[in-house]
Amino acid sequence: MTILIFGDESGDLGLKGSHYFILSSVIFSDENEYKKLKYLLKNVRRHKFHKILKTQKEIKGYKSSDELIFYLFEKSEQIDFKAYSIVFDKKEITNRLMLNNHNQYSIYSKLVFKLLKGINLKNNFNLILDQFILPTNEKDFKKTMIDELGHLVHKSKIHHSNSEKWKGIQFADLIAWSCFQRFERNKTKYLEKLKDKHENFYF
């Protein structure tokens, strides 16, 4: 069985800017559960939030009202998924040293690999990430992933794609944004709606 994993981020990886960088993933055990999410997002566009979303190509955390986010998180209780976020605290001395000595691509890759190791993958997977790294780095990214995660990657697929094309990335964006609010601004109300469907890792 091939599982589906979608990933997106919130915050930045500069020495200045935000205090935290969050990378979140949403995992669906199979295509049918992902179809339920796609239907949910399509439904809110057509009905309850039609007026708000009709001018937006995709759902993004920073553009969404509390009402929309709460509604989606509450309705997603009926979908079988698990969400994980890795929290990169830029104030930590070891992380600041990393920001000084490594480029953003390298740090982002380390965060993805640590997150996937924390999930403890046992099946082949399709990994669909928001387009954070440059296309020229994608081949190197997969090679390093094979070194980090081993044989599973050989039979798995990895995509770096525009979030407009994937409802799963948009949902991961909502979770990453909500997690960012929790750590950057001490607003816990968003993640509380996800209950036990979400778990944090720390880098």
Foldseek 3Di string as FASTA:
>chain_A
DAKEKEKEKDWDLALDGFQKIKIKMKIAPDPVLQVVLVVVVVVCCVPVVVVQPVVPLAAAQVSDDPVVLLVSLLVNVPGDMAMEMEMEGCVDPVNVVCSVPDDPVVVVLVRVLVRVVVVVDDAAYEYEYAQPDDPVCPVVSLVVSCVRPPDSSVRHHYHHYHCSVGSRNRVNNNVNVQVCCCPRVVDNVSVVSNPRRYYYHYD
